[in-house]
N, C-alpha and C. Protein backbone atom coordinates (compact mmCIF):
# COMPACT_ATOMS: atom_id res chain seq x y z
N MET A 1 35.23 8.31 32.63
CA MET A 1 35.12 9.27 31.53
C MET A 1 33.66 9.36 31.09
N LEU A 2 33.21 10.58 30.86
CA LEU A 2 31.79 10.77 30.60
C LEU A 2 31.57 11.73 29.44
N PRO A 3 31.22 11.26 28.25
CA PRO A 3 30.91 12.21 27.18
C PRO A 3 29.48 12.72 27.28
N PHE A 4 29.29 13.96 26.88
CA PHE A 4 27.95 14.56 26.89
C PHE A 4 27.60 15.04 25.48
N PRO A 5 26.94 14.25 24.63
CA PRO A 5 26.58 14.76 23.32
C PRO A 5 25.23 15.50 23.31
N VAL A 6 25.00 16.31 22.32
CA VAL A 6 23.77 17.04 21.92
C VAL A 6 23.89 18.55 22.14
N HIS A 7 23.50 19.30 21.10
CA HIS A 7 23.69 20.74 21.03
C HIS A 7 22.67 21.48 21.89
N ARG A 8 23.16 22.43 22.73
CA ARG A 8 22.32 23.34 23.53
C ARG A 8 21.36 22.61 24.46
N SER A 9 21.75 21.45 24.91
CA SER A 9 20.87 20.67 25.78
C SER A 9 21.11 20.97 27.25
N GLY A 10 22.20 21.70 27.56
CA GLY A 10 22.50 22.04 28.93
C GLY A 10 23.65 21.24 29.53
N LYS A 11 24.39 20.53 28.68
CA LYS A 11 25.46 19.66 29.18
C LYS A 11 26.60 20.45 29.83
N THR A 12 26.98 21.60 29.24
CA THR A 12 28.04 22.42 29.84
C THR A 12 27.57 23.00 31.16
N SER A 13 26.33 23.41 31.24
CA SER A 13 25.78 23.93 32.50
C SER A 13 25.83 22.87 33.59
N ILE A 14 25.55 21.63 33.23
CA ILE A 14 25.61 20.53 34.20
C ILE A 14 27.00 20.43 34.79
N GLN A 15 28.00 20.41 33.92
CA GLN A 15 29.38 20.28 34.36
C GLN A 15 29.81 21.45 35.23
N GLN A 16 29.41 22.66 34.84
CA GLN A 16 29.79 23.85 35.58
C GLN A 16 29.07 23.93 36.93
N MET A 17 27.83 23.52 36.98
CA MET A 17 27.07 23.53 38.23
C MET A 17 27.66 22.54 39.22
N LEU A 18 27.99 21.35 38.77
CA LEU A 18 28.44 20.30 39.67
C LEU A 18 29.86 20.51 40.17
N PHE A 19 30.74 20.97 39.31
CA PHE A 19 32.16 20.96 39.65
C PHE A 19 32.79 22.34 39.80
N ASN A 20 32.12 23.38 39.33
CA ASN A 20 32.66 24.73 39.48
C ASN A 20 31.73 25.63 40.28
N ASP A 21 30.70 25.04 40.88
CA ASP A 21 29.79 25.76 41.77
C ASP A 21 29.19 26.99 41.08
N ALA A 22 28.84 26.85 39.81
CA ALA A 22 28.23 27.95 39.07
C ALA A 22 26.82 28.21 39.58
N ASP A 23 26.39 29.46 39.49
CA ASP A 23 25.03 29.82 39.84
C ASP A 23 24.14 29.55 38.62
N PRO A 24 22.91 29.07 38.83
CA PRO A 24 22.03 28.81 37.68
C PRO A 24 21.88 30.01 36.74
N LYS A 25 21.90 31.24 37.29
CA LYS A 25 21.76 32.42 36.45
C LYS A 25 22.95 32.59 35.50
N GLN A 26 24.12 32.08 35.90
CA GLN A 26 25.31 32.20 35.05
C GLN A 26 25.20 31.35 33.80
N THR A 27 24.41 30.30 33.85
CA THR A 27 24.39 29.35 32.75
C THR A 27 23.83 29.96 31.46
N PHE A 28 23.08 31.05 31.57
CA PHE A 28 22.55 31.71 30.38
C PHE A 28 23.66 32.29 29.51
N TYR A 29 24.83 32.51 30.10
CA TYR A 29 25.92 33.19 29.39
C TYR A 29 27.02 32.24 28.94
N PHE A 30 26.85 30.94 29.15
CA PHE A 30 27.85 29.99 28.69
C PHE A 30 27.80 29.86 27.17
N GLU A 31 28.96 29.87 26.56
CA GLU A 31 29.04 29.72 25.11
C GLU A 31 28.77 28.26 24.71
N PRO A 32 28.19 28.05 23.52
CA PRO A 32 27.99 26.67 23.05
C PRO A 32 29.32 25.94 22.91
N THR A 33 29.30 24.66 23.16
CA THR A 33 30.51 23.85 23.01
C THR A 33 30.76 23.60 21.53
N ILE A 34 31.93 24.00 21.04
CA ILE A 34 32.25 23.83 19.62
C ILE A 34 33.32 22.78 19.38
N ARG A 35 33.97 22.33 20.44
CA ARG A 35 34.94 21.24 20.31
C ARG A 35 34.94 20.44 21.62
N ILE A 36 35.52 19.27 21.58
CA ILE A 36 35.56 18.43 22.77
C ILE A 36 36.39 19.11 23.85
N MET A 37 35.80 19.27 25.01
CA MET A 37 36.49 19.85 26.16
C MET A 37 36.63 18.76 27.23
N LYS A 38 37.88 18.54 27.66
CA LYS A 38 38.14 17.50 28.66
C LYS A 38 38.38 18.16 30.02
N HIS A 39 37.61 17.77 31.00
CA HIS A 39 37.71 18.34 32.34
C HIS A 39 38.09 17.25 33.33
N LYS A 40 39.12 17.51 34.09
CA LYS A 40 39.55 16.56 35.12
C LYS A 40 39.16 17.10 36.49
N HIS A 41 38.56 16.23 37.29
CA HIS A 41 38.11 16.62 38.63
C HIS A 41 38.62 15.60 39.64
N ASP A 42 39.33 16.09 40.63
CA ASP A 42 39.91 15.23 41.64
C ASP A 42 38.96 15.16 42.83
N THR A 43 37.97 14.29 42.75
CA THR A 43 37.04 14.08 43.84
C THR A 43 37.54 12.87 44.63
N ILE A 44 36.64 12.21 45.36
CA ILE A 44 37.03 10.99 46.07
C ILE A 44 37.55 9.96 45.09
N ILE A 45 36.95 9.94 43.91
CA ILE A 45 37.52 9.16 42.80
C ILE A 45 37.82 10.15 41.68
N PRO A 46 38.94 9.99 40.97
CA PRO A 46 39.26 10.93 39.89
C PRO A 46 38.32 10.75 38.70
N LEU A 47 37.87 11.87 38.16
CA LEU A 47 36.97 11.85 37.01
C LEU A 47 37.57 12.64 35.86
N GLU A 48 37.38 12.15 34.65
CA GLU A 48 37.67 12.93 33.45
C GLU A 48 36.38 12.99 32.63
N ILE A 49 35.87 14.19 32.46
CA ILE A 49 34.60 14.39 31.77
C ILE A 49 34.86 15.02 30.41
N TRP A 50 34.31 14.41 29.38
CA TRP A 50 34.40 14.97 28.03
C TRP A 50 33.09 15.67 27.72
N ASP A 51 33.16 16.97 27.53
CA ASP A 51 32.00 17.77 27.13
C ASP A 51 32.05 17.89 25.61
N CYS A 52 31.12 17.22 24.94
CA CYS A 52 31.20 17.10 23.47
C CYS A 52 30.22 18.04 22.78
N PRO A 53 30.60 18.56 21.63
CA PRO A 53 29.68 19.42 20.85
C PRO A 53 28.55 18.61 20.26
N GLY A 54 27.50 19.31 19.85
CA GLY A 54 26.32 18.64 19.36
C GLY A 54 26.51 17.90 18.05
N ASN A 55 27.55 18.25 17.28
CA ASN A 55 27.74 17.60 15.98
C ASN A 55 28.72 16.43 16.05
N ILE A 56 29.08 16.01 17.25
CA ILE A 56 30.04 14.92 17.38
C ILE A 56 29.39 13.61 16.92
N THR A 57 30.19 12.73 16.35
CA THR A 57 29.73 11.41 15.93
C THR A 57 30.67 10.36 16.51
N VAL A 58 30.27 9.12 16.39
CA VAL A 58 31.12 8.04 16.87
C VAL A 58 32.47 8.07 16.16
N ASP A 59 32.48 8.40 14.87
CA ASP A 59 33.72 8.41 14.09
C ASP A 59 34.61 9.59 14.43
N THR A 60 34.04 10.73 14.81
CA THR A 60 34.85 11.91 15.08
C THR A 60 35.18 12.09 16.56
N LEU A 61 34.74 11.18 17.39
CA LEU A 61 35.00 11.29 18.83
C LEU A 61 36.48 11.22 19.14
N GLY A 62 37.21 10.40 18.39
CA GLY A 62 38.66 10.31 18.58
C GLY A 62 39.09 9.34 19.65
N ALA A 63 38.18 8.49 20.11
CA ALA A 63 38.51 7.49 21.12
C ALA A 63 37.48 6.37 21.03
N PRO A 64 37.92 5.13 21.27
CA PRO A 64 36.94 4.03 21.29
C PRO A 64 35.92 4.22 22.41
N LEU A 65 34.68 3.92 22.14
CA LEU A 65 33.65 4.08 23.15
C LEU A 65 33.87 3.16 24.34
N SER A 66 34.61 2.09 24.14
CA SER A 66 34.88 1.15 25.22
C SER A 66 35.79 1.73 26.29
N THR A 67 36.44 2.87 26.01
CA THR A 67 37.32 3.48 27.01
C THR A 67 36.55 4.27 28.06
N PHE A 68 35.26 4.47 27.84
CA PHE A 68 34.45 5.27 28.76
C PHE A 68 33.70 4.36 29.73
N ALA A 69 33.77 4.71 31.00
CA ALA A 69 33.02 3.96 32.00
C ALA A 69 31.54 4.29 31.95
N LEU A 70 31.24 5.52 31.57
CA LEU A 70 29.85 6.01 31.50
C LEU A 70 29.67 6.85 30.24
N ILE A 71 28.53 6.72 29.63
CA ILE A 71 28.14 7.64 28.56
C ILE A 71 26.81 8.28 28.97
N ILE A 72 26.81 9.58 29.08
CA ILE A 72 25.60 10.31 29.47
C ILE A 72 25.12 11.11 28.26
N PHE A 73 23.90 10.89 27.85
CA PHE A 73 23.32 11.62 26.73
C PHE A 73 22.29 12.59 27.29
N VAL A 74 22.42 13.86 26.98
CA VAL A 74 21.55 14.89 27.53
C VAL A 74 20.57 15.36 26.45
N ILE A 75 19.29 15.29 26.77
CA ILE A 75 18.23 15.72 25.86
C ILE A 75 17.42 16.82 26.52
N ASP A 76 17.18 17.90 25.80
CA ASP A 76 16.35 19.00 26.30
C ASP A 76 14.89 18.54 26.33
N ILE A 77 14.27 18.60 27.50
CA ILE A 77 12.90 18.14 27.64
C ILE A 77 11.93 18.99 26.82
N GLN A 78 12.36 20.20 26.42
CA GLN A 78 11.49 21.09 25.66
C GLN A 78 11.38 20.70 24.20
N ALA A 79 12.21 19.74 23.76
CA ALA A 79 12.16 19.31 22.36
C ALA A 79 10.79 18.71 22.06
N GLY A 80 10.13 19.20 21.03
CA GLY A 80 8.80 18.73 20.67
C GLY A 80 8.86 17.38 19.97
N PRO A 81 7.69 16.82 19.64
CA PRO A 81 7.62 15.50 19.00
C PRO A 81 8.44 15.41 17.72
N ASP A 82 8.53 16.51 16.97
CA ASP A 82 9.29 16.48 15.71
C ASP A 82 10.78 16.68 15.95
N SER A 83 11.13 17.68 16.77
CA SER A 83 12.55 18.01 16.95
C SER A 83 13.28 17.01 17.83
N VAL A 84 12.57 16.18 18.58
CA VAL A 84 13.24 15.22 19.45
C VAL A 84 13.78 14.03 18.68
N GLN A 85 13.32 13.83 17.45
CA GLN A 85 13.74 12.66 16.69
C GLN A 85 15.23 12.68 16.38
N GLN A 86 15.77 13.85 16.07
CA GLN A 86 17.20 13.93 15.73
C GLN A 86 18.09 13.56 16.92
N PRO A 87 17.88 14.15 18.12
CA PRO A 87 18.71 13.72 19.24
C PRO A 87 18.52 12.25 19.61
N ILE A 88 17.32 11.72 19.44
CA ILE A 88 17.11 10.30 19.73
C ILE A 88 17.90 9.44 18.77
N ALA A 89 17.92 9.82 17.49
CA ALA A 89 18.69 9.06 16.51
C ALA A 89 20.18 9.09 16.85
N ARG A 90 20.68 10.25 17.29
CA ARG A 90 22.09 10.36 17.66
C ARG A 90 22.37 9.53 18.93
N LEU A 91 21.45 9.58 19.87
CA LEU A 91 21.59 8.77 21.09
C LEU A 91 21.70 7.29 20.73
N LEU A 92 20.82 6.82 19.87
CA LEU A 92 20.84 5.41 19.49
C LEU A 92 22.14 5.04 18.78
N GLN A 93 22.66 5.97 17.99
CA GLN A 93 23.94 5.72 17.31
C GLN A 93 25.06 5.49 18.32
N PHE A 94 25.14 6.37 19.32
CA PHE A 94 26.18 6.24 20.33
C PHE A 94 25.98 5.00 21.20
N PHE A 95 24.77 4.83 21.68
CA PHE A 95 24.52 3.76 22.65
C PHE A 95 24.66 2.37 22.04
N THR A 96 24.14 2.18 20.83
CA THR A 96 24.27 0.86 20.21
C THR A 96 25.72 0.54 19.89
N ALA A 97 26.47 1.55 19.44
CA ALA A 97 27.89 1.33 19.16
C ALA A 97 28.66 1.00 20.44
N ALA A 98 28.35 1.73 21.53
CA ALA A 98 29.01 1.48 22.81
C ALA A 98 28.64 0.11 23.35
N PHE A 99 27.39 -0.29 23.22
CA PHE A 99 26.95 -1.59 23.71
C PHE A 99 27.63 -2.73 22.95
N GLN A 100 27.85 -2.54 21.67
CA GLN A 100 28.54 -3.56 20.88
C GLN A 100 30.01 -3.66 21.28
N GLU A 101 30.65 -2.52 21.53
CA GLU A 101 32.07 -2.52 21.90
C GLU A 101 32.29 -3.01 23.33
N SER A 102 31.44 -2.56 24.24
CA SER A 102 31.63 -2.87 25.66
C SER A 102 30.28 -2.90 26.37
N PRO A 103 29.66 -4.07 26.48
CA PRO A 103 28.35 -4.15 27.13
C PRO A 103 28.34 -3.68 28.59
N ALA A 104 29.52 -3.60 29.21
CA ALA A 104 29.59 -3.17 30.61
C ALA A 104 29.51 -1.66 30.78
N THR A 105 29.67 -0.90 29.70
CA THR A 105 29.60 0.56 29.79
C THR A 105 28.21 1.00 30.21
N ALA A 106 28.14 1.84 31.24
CA ALA A 106 26.85 2.33 31.72
C ALA A 106 26.31 3.38 30.75
N LEU A 107 25.06 3.23 30.35
CA LEU A 107 24.42 4.13 29.39
C LEU A 107 23.30 4.88 30.09
N GLU A 108 23.42 6.21 30.13
CA GLU A 108 22.50 7.03 30.92
C GLU A 108 21.90 8.13 30.06
N VAL A 109 20.63 8.44 30.30
CA VAL A 109 19.94 9.52 29.59
C VAL A 109 19.48 10.55 30.61
N PHE A 110 19.95 11.79 30.44
CA PHE A 110 19.45 12.91 31.25
C PHE A 110 18.43 13.67 30.42
N VAL A 111 17.16 13.60 30.80
CA VAL A 111 16.14 14.44 30.19
C VAL A 111 16.15 15.72 31.02
N HIS A 112 16.77 16.76 30.44
CA HIS A 112 17.20 17.92 31.22
C HIS A 112 16.31 19.14 31.00
N LYS A 113 16.53 20.15 31.85
CA LYS A 113 15.77 21.41 31.85
C LYS A 113 14.31 21.17 32.25
N ALA A 114 14.11 20.31 33.24
CA ALA A 114 12.76 19.95 33.66
C ALA A 114 11.98 21.15 34.18
N GLU A 115 12.71 22.18 34.64
CA GLU A 115 12.02 23.36 35.17
C GLU A 115 11.27 24.14 34.09
N ALA A 116 11.62 23.92 32.83
CA ALA A 116 11.04 24.71 31.74
C ALA A 116 9.56 24.40 31.53
N ILE A 117 9.17 23.17 31.81
CA ILE A 117 7.75 22.80 31.64
C ILE A 117 7.31 22.07 32.90
N GLN A 118 7.39 22.76 34.01
CA GLN A 118 7.17 22.17 35.32
C GLN A 118 5.85 21.38 35.40
N GLU A 119 4.80 21.93 34.82
CA GLU A 119 3.49 21.30 34.95
C GLU A 119 3.39 19.99 34.19
N TYR A 120 4.11 19.89 33.06
CA TYR A 120 4.00 18.70 32.21
C TYR A 120 5.29 17.90 32.14
N LYS A 121 6.20 18.13 33.07
CA LYS A 121 7.52 17.51 32.96
C LYS A 121 7.46 15.98 33.01
N ASN A 122 6.60 15.43 33.86
CA ASN A 122 6.54 13.98 33.98
C ASN A 122 5.97 13.34 32.71
N ASP A 123 4.98 13.99 32.11
CA ASP A 123 4.42 13.48 30.86
C ASP A 123 5.46 13.53 29.74
N SER A 124 6.19 14.64 29.66
CA SER A 124 7.21 14.78 28.62
C SER A 124 8.35 13.79 28.84
N PHE A 125 8.71 13.59 30.10
CA PHE A 125 9.75 12.62 30.43
C PHE A 125 9.35 11.22 29.97
N ARG A 126 8.12 10.83 30.28
CA ARG A 126 7.65 9.51 29.88
C ARG A 126 7.55 9.39 28.36
N HIS A 127 7.20 10.49 27.69
CA HIS A 127 7.10 10.46 26.23
C HIS A 127 8.47 10.20 25.60
N ILE A 128 9.49 10.93 26.04
CA ILE A 128 10.84 10.75 25.49
C ILE A 128 11.37 9.36 25.83
N GLN A 129 11.14 8.93 27.05
CA GLN A 129 11.57 7.59 27.46
C GLN A 129 10.89 6.52 26.59
N GLY A 130 9.60 6.69 26.36
CA GLY A 130 8.87 5.72 25.54
C GLY A 130 9.34 5.70 24.10
N ARG A 131 9.67 6.88 23.56
CA ARG A 131 10.16 6.95 22.18
C ARG A 131 11.47 6.18 22.03
N ILE A 132 12.38 6.37 22.99
CA ILE A 132 13.68 5.70 22.92
C ILE A 132 13.53 4.19 23.07
N ILE A 133 12.76 3.77 24.05
CA ILE A 133 12.56 2.33 24.27
C ILE A 133 11.86 1.71 23.07
N GLY A 134 10.90 2.43 22.49
CA GLY A 134 10.21 1.93 21.31
C GLY A 134 11.14 1.74 20.13
N GLU A 135 12.07 2.68 19.94
CA GLU A 135 13.04 2.55 18.85
C GLU A 135 13.94 1.34 19.07
N LEU A 136 14.35 1.11 20.30
CA LEU A 136 15.23 -0.03 20.61
C LEU A 136 14.51 -1.35 20.38
N GLU A 137 13.23 -1.39 20.67
CA GLU A 137 12.46 -2.63 20.48
C GLU A 137 12.38 -3.03 19.02
N ASP A 138 12.59 -2.08 18.12
CA ASP A 138 12.56 -2.37 16.68
C ASP A 138 13.95 -2.65 16.13
N MET A 139 14.97 -2.71 17.00
CA MET A 139 16.35 -2.95 16.56
C MET A 139 16.80 -4.31 17.07
N PRO A 140 16.86 -5.31 16.21
CA PRO A 140 17.24 -6.67 16.65
C PRO A 140 18.59 -6.67 17.37
N GLY A 141 18.62 -7.32 18.51
CA GLY A 141 19.85 -7.42 19.29
C GLY A 141 19.99 -6.36 20.36
N PHE A 142 19.15 -5.32 20.29
CA PHE A 142 19.27 -4.23 21.26
C PHE A 142 17.99 -4.04 22.09
N GLU A 143 17.06 -4.97 21.98
CA GLU A 143 15.77 -4.82 22.66
C GLU A 143 15.93 -4.71 24.18
N THR A 144 16.91 -5.42 24.71
CA THR A 144 17.11 -5.45 26.16
C THR A 144 18.36 -4.70 26.59
N MET A 145 18.87 -3.83 25.74
CA MET A 145 20.07 -3.05 26.09
C MET A 145 19.78 -2.22 27.33
N PRO A 146 20.57 -2.36 28.40
CA PRO A 146 20.27 -1.63 29.64
C PRO A 146 20.63 -0.15 29.54
N LEU A 147 19.70 0.70 29.89
CA LEU A 147 19.97 2.13 29.99
C LEU A 147 19.01 2.71 31.03
N ASP A 148 19.47 3.76 31.70
CA ASP A 148 18.69 4.40 32.75
C ASP A 148 18.35 5.83 32.36
N PHE A 149 17.18 6.29 32.80
CA PHE A 149 16.69 7.63 32.50
C PHE A 149 16.62 8.45 33.79
N HIS A 150 16.97 9.74 33.67
CA HIS A 150 16.97 10.64 34.82
C HIS A 150 16.32 11.96 34.40
N LEU A 151 15.38 12.44 35.18
CA LEU A 151 14.74 13.74 34.96
C LEU A 151 15.50 14.76 35.79
N THR A 152 16.15 15.74 35.14
CA THR A 152 17.08 16.62 35.87
C THR A 152 16.81 18.10 35.59
N SER A 153 17.30 18.90 36.52
CA SER A 153 17.23 20.36 36.40
C SER A 153 18.36 20.95 37.21
N ILE A 154 18.87 22.11 36.78
CA ILE A 154 19.91 22.79 37.55
C ILE A 154 19.33 23.59 38.70
N TYR A 155 18.00 23.62 38.81
CA TYR A 155 17.35 24.46 39.82
C TYR A 155 16.89 23.66 41.05
N ASP A 156 17.16 22.36 41.08
CA ASP A 156 16.79 21.59 42.26
C ASP A 156 17.85 20.52 42.51
N TYR A 157 17.53 19.56 43.37
CA TYR A 157 18.51 18.55 43.78
C TYR A 157 18.58 17.37 42.82
N SER A 158 17.71 17.34 41.82
CA SER A 158 17.66 16.18 40.93
C SER A 158 18.99 15.96 40.23
N LEU A 159 19.69 17.02 39.87
CA LEU A 159 20.95 16.89 39.17
C LEU A 159 22.00 16.23 40.06
N TYR A 160 22.08 16.66 41.32
CA TYR A 160 23.06 16.10 42.25
C TYR A 160 22.72 14.65 42.59
N GLU A 161 21.44 14.37 42.75
CA GLU A 161 21.02 13.01 43.07
C GLU A 161 21.32 12.07 41.90
N SER A 162 20.97 12.48 40.69
CA SER A 162 21.17 11.63 39.52
C SER A 162 22.65 11.40 39.24
N PHE A 163 23.45 12.47 39.31
CA PHE A 163 24.87 12.32 39.02
C PHE A 163 25.55 11.47 40.09
N SER A 164 25.12 11.60 41.34
CA SER A 164 25.67 10.77 42.40
C SER A 164 25.39 9.29 42.13
N GLU A 165 24.17 9.00 41.69
CA GLU A 165 23.83 7.61 41.38
C GLU A 165 24.73 7.06 40.29
N LEU A 166 25.09 7.91 39.34
CA LEU A 166 25.99 7.47 38.26
C LEU A 166 27.39 7.18 38.79
N ILE A 167 27.88 8.05 39.66
CA ILE A 167 29.22 7.86 40.20
C ILE A 167 29.33 6.54 40.96
N THR A 168 28.27 6.18 41.69
CA THR A 168 28.34 4.92 42.44
C THR A 168 28.54 3.72 41.51
N LYS A 169 28.17 3.88 40.25
CA LYS A 169 28.31 2.76 39.31
C LYS A 169 29.77 2.51 38.91
N VAL A 170 30.64 3.50 39.11
CA VAL A 170 32.04 3.33 38.70
C VAL A 170 32.98 3.24 39.90
N VAL A 171 32.44 3.12 41.09
CA VAL A 171 33.26 2.95 42.30
C VAL A 171 33.47 1.46 42.52
N ASP A 172 34.69 0.99 42.30
CA ASP A 172 34.97 -0.44 42.41
C ASP A 172 34.74 -0.98 43.82
N SER A 173 34.99 -0.14 44.81
CA SER A 173 34.89 -0.59 46.20
C SER A 173 33.51 -0.33 46.81
N LEU A 174 32.49 -0.11 45.96
CA LEU A 174 31.17 0.26 46.46
C LEU A 174 30.60 -0.74 47.48
N PRO A 175 30.66 -2.06 47.23
CA PRO A 175 30.11 -2.99 48.24
C PRO A 175 30.77 -2.84 49.61
N ASP A 176 32.08 -2.62 49.63
CA ASP A 176 32.78 -2.44 50.91
C ASP A 176 32.36 -1.14 51.59
N LEU A 177 32.22 -0.07 50.80
CA LEU A 177 31.81 1.22 51.37
C LEU A 177 30.40 1.14 51.91
N GLU A 178 29.51 0.48 51.19
CA GLU A 178 28.14 0.32 51.67
C GLU A 178 28.11 -0.46 52.99
N GLN A 179 28.93 -1.50 53.07
CA GLN A 179 28.97 -2.28 54.30
C GLN A 179 29.47 -1.45 55.47
N LEU A 180 30.50 -0.63 55.24
CA LEU A 180 31.01 0.23 56.30
C LEU A 180 29.97 1.25 56.75
N LEU A 181 29.23 1.81 55.79
CA LEU A 181 28.19 2.78 56.15
C LEU A 181 27.03 2.11 56.87
N ASP A 182 26.73 0.87 56.52
CA ASP A 182 25.71 0.11 57.26
C ASP A 182 26.14 -0.09 58.71
N ILE A 183 27.41 -0.43 58.90
CA ILE A 183 27.94 -0.62 60.25
C ILE A 183 27.89 0.69 61.03
N PHE A 184 28.25 1.80 60.35
CA PHE A 184 28.19 3.11 61.00
C PHE A 184 26.77 3.43 61.46
N CYS A 185 25.78 3.20 60.59
CA CYS A 185 24.38 3.49 60.96
C CYS A 185 23.93 2.61 62.12
N ALA A 186 24.33 1.34 62.10
CA ALA A 186 23.91 0.43 63.16
C ALA A 186 24.48 0.83 64.51
N ASN A 187 25.71 1.35 64.51
CA ASN A 187 26.37 1.68 65.77
C ASN A 187 26.10 3.11 66.25
N SER A 188 25.67 3.97 65.34
CA SER A 188 25.43 5.36 65.71
C SER A 188 23.94 5.69 65.77
N GLN A 189 23.10 4.74 65.35
CA GLN A 189 21.65 4.93 65.26
C GLN A 189 21.28 6.03 64.27
N ALA A 190 22.17 6.29 63.33
CA ALA A 190 21.86 7.23 62.25
C ALA A 190 20.86 6.58 61.30
N SER A 191 19.92 7.38 60.78
CA SER A 191 18.90 6.82 59.89
C SER A 191 19.42 6.66 58.46
N LYS A 192 20.42 7.47 58.09
CA LYS A 192 20.95 7.41 56.74
C LYS A 192 22.37 7.97 56.74
N ALA A 193 23.26 7.41 55.91
CA ALA A 193 24.64 7.89 55.85
C ALA A 193 25.10 7.98 54.40
N TYR A 194 25.83 9.04 54.10
CA TYR A 194 26.40 9.25 52.77
C TYR A 194 27.90 9.50 52.88
N LEU A 195 28.63 9.07 51.87
CA LEU A 195 30.03 9.44 51.75
C LEU A 195 30.11 10.48 50.63
N PHE A 196 30.32 11.74 51.02
CA PHE A 196 30.25 12.87 50.08
C PHE A 196 31.63 13.35 49.65
N ASP A 197 31.69 13.85 48.42
CA ASP A 197 32.76 14.76 48.02
C ASP A 197 32.27 16.15 48.40
N ILE A 198 32.95 16.80 49.32
CA ILE A 198 32.44 18.03 49.92
C ILE A 198 32.26 19.14 48.88
N LYS A 199 33.24 19.34 48.01
CA LYS A 199 33.18 20.46 47.09
C LYS A 199 32.03 20.34 46.09
N SER A 200 31.89 19.18 45.47
CA SER A 200 30.88 19.02 44.42
C SER A 200 29.50 18.67 44.99
N ARG A 201 29.45 18.27 46.26
CA ARG A 201 28.22 17.83 46.91
C ARG A 201 27.62 16.59 46.24
N LEU A 202 28.49 15.76 45.68
CA LEU A 202 28.09 14.48 45.11
C LEU A 202 28.49 13.37 46.08
N TYR A 203 27.65 12.38 46.24
CA TYR A 203 28.05 11.26 47.09
C TYR A 203 28.52 10.09 46.22
N VAL A 204 29.47 9.35 46.75
CA VAL A 204 30.01 8.21 46.01
C VAL A 204 29.52 6.89 46.60
N ALA A 205 28.86 6.95 47.77
CA ALA A 205 28.30 5.75 48.37
C ALA A 205 27.30 6.16 49.43
N THR A 206 26.35 5.28 49.70
CA THR A 206 25.41 5.46 50.80
C THR A 206 25.11 4.09 51.37
N ASP A 207 24.52 4.05 52.54
CA ASP A 207 24.19 2.75 53.12
C ASP A 207 23.03 2.13 52.36
N THR A 208 22.70 0.91 52.68
CA THR A 208 21.72 0.16 51.89
C THR A 208 20.28 0.35 52.35
N SER A 209 20.03 1.26 53.30
CA SER A 209 18.67 1.52 53.72
C SER A 209 17.93 2.28 52.61
N PRO A 210 16.60 2.25 52.60
CA PRO A 210 15.84 2.93 51.53
C PRO A 210 16.16 4.42 51.48
N PRO A 211 16.11 5.03 50.29
CA PRO A 211 16.37 6.48 50.17
C PRO A 211 15.36 7.30 50.97
N ASP A 212 15.80 8.45 51.44
CA ASP A 212 14.89 9.39 52.11
C ASP A 212 15.30 10.81 51.73
N SER A 213 14.77 11.79 52.43
CA SER A 213 15.02 13.19 52.09
C SER A 213 16.33 13.72 52.66
N ALA A 214 17.12 12.86 53.30
CA ALA A 214 18.34 13.32 53.95
C ALA A 214 19.34 13.91 52.96
N HIS A 215 19.30 13.44 51.71
CA HIS A 215 20.27 13.93 50.72
C HIS A 215 20.12 15.44 50.51
N LYS A 216 18.91 15.93 50.45
CA LYS A 216 18.69 17.37 50.27
C LYS A 216 19.26 18.16 51.44
N LEU A 217 19.04 17.66 52.65
CA LEU A 217 19.56 18.35 53.84
C LEU A 217 21.08 18.37 53.83
N CYS A 218 21.68 17.26 53.43
CA CYS A 218 23.14 17.19 53.37
C CYS A 218 23.69 18.17 52.34
N CYS A 219 23.03 18.26 51.19
CA CYS A 219 23.46 19.20 50.15
C CYS A 219 23.41 20.63 50.64
N ASP A 220 22.33 20.98 51.35
CA ASP A 220 22.20 22.33 51.89
C ASP A 220 23.31 22.62 52.90
N TYR A 221 23.59 21.65 53.75
CA TYR A 221 24.64 21.83 54.76
C TYR A 221 25.99 22.02 54.10
N LEU A 222 26.30 21.19 53.10
CA LEU A 222 27.59 21.29 52.42
C LEU A 222 27.72 22.61 51.66
N LYS A 223 26.61 23.08 51.07
CA LYS A 223 26.65 24.36 50.37
C LYS A 223 26.98 25.49 51.34
N THR A 224 26.37 25.47 52.51
CA THR A 224 26.66 26.48 53.53
C THR A 224 28.09 26.38 54.00
N MET A 225 28.55 25.16 54.22
CA MET A 225 29.91 24.96 54.69
C MET A 225 30.93 25.43 53.65
N ASN A 226 30.65 25.15 52.37
CA ASN A 226 31.55 25.60 51.31
C ASN A 226 31.59 27.13 51.21
N SER A 227 30.44 27.76 51.49
CA SER A 227 30.36 29.22 51.37
C SER A 227 31.07 29.94 52.50
N PHE A 228 30.96 29.40 53.70
CA PHE A 228 31.47 30.11 54.87
C PHE A 228 32.62 29.41 55.59
N GLY A 229 32.93 28.21 55.16
CA GLY A 229 33.95 27.44 55.86
C GLY A 229 35.31 28.11 55.89
N SER A 230 35.67 28.84 54.81
CA SER A 230 36.98 29.49 54.77
C SER A 230 37.13 30.57 55.83
N LEU A 231 36.02 31.10 56.32
CA LEU A 231 36.09 32.14 57.36
C LEU A 231 36.57 31.60 58.70
N TYR A 232 36.46 30.29 58.88
CA TYR A 232 36.77 29.69 60.17
C TYR A 232 38.05 28.86 60.15
N LYS A 233 38.81 28.96 59.06
CA LYS A 233 40.06 28.21 59.00
C LYS A 233 41.07 28.81 59.97
């Protein structure tokens, strides 16, 4: 289960791009989320994603945070030094509460819409990351709370790569799958192997060799196959 808090940050677009094959141009016409929307997706592993409105709080969520395997907080990278403080405060509210309830819950930050400030995206990403880590360092008991940051955009492969990395965190059989893919690579002389969900183009496991550019090629192939595969049934 994956909640996505924060208003107009692009969280609905993320869900629609990954699981409903939406075109990036369509995302301009998506209505703002005004209530919790629960989406179930039957991939290699079943997922239930909660798309939450920007005004959601820990008290109004309607479920203990410990019931979620992952919490993804989406922040618009275009938020300036002043306007970013409110989403950071909300992020800290959710993450600290979740960490207290269930330290095993994966806490993830998507700094999204990276295409909007292409030239300065890395600087802005580091600034937001530094602000959040700095706030945690001033909160006793949460200085070492584990959380991961991802720079994402709906216009490139970063979204698919980042979300795939998250899914691998909730696959119980991941060590076994990695071992099988290692064996496959050793016996086939393949340089890299992924176990993909074909429709969403997300992978749930890969072999243990270092990452390379093969993921982009696989995504392109699967997109083509999804577009034209029905013609050859």
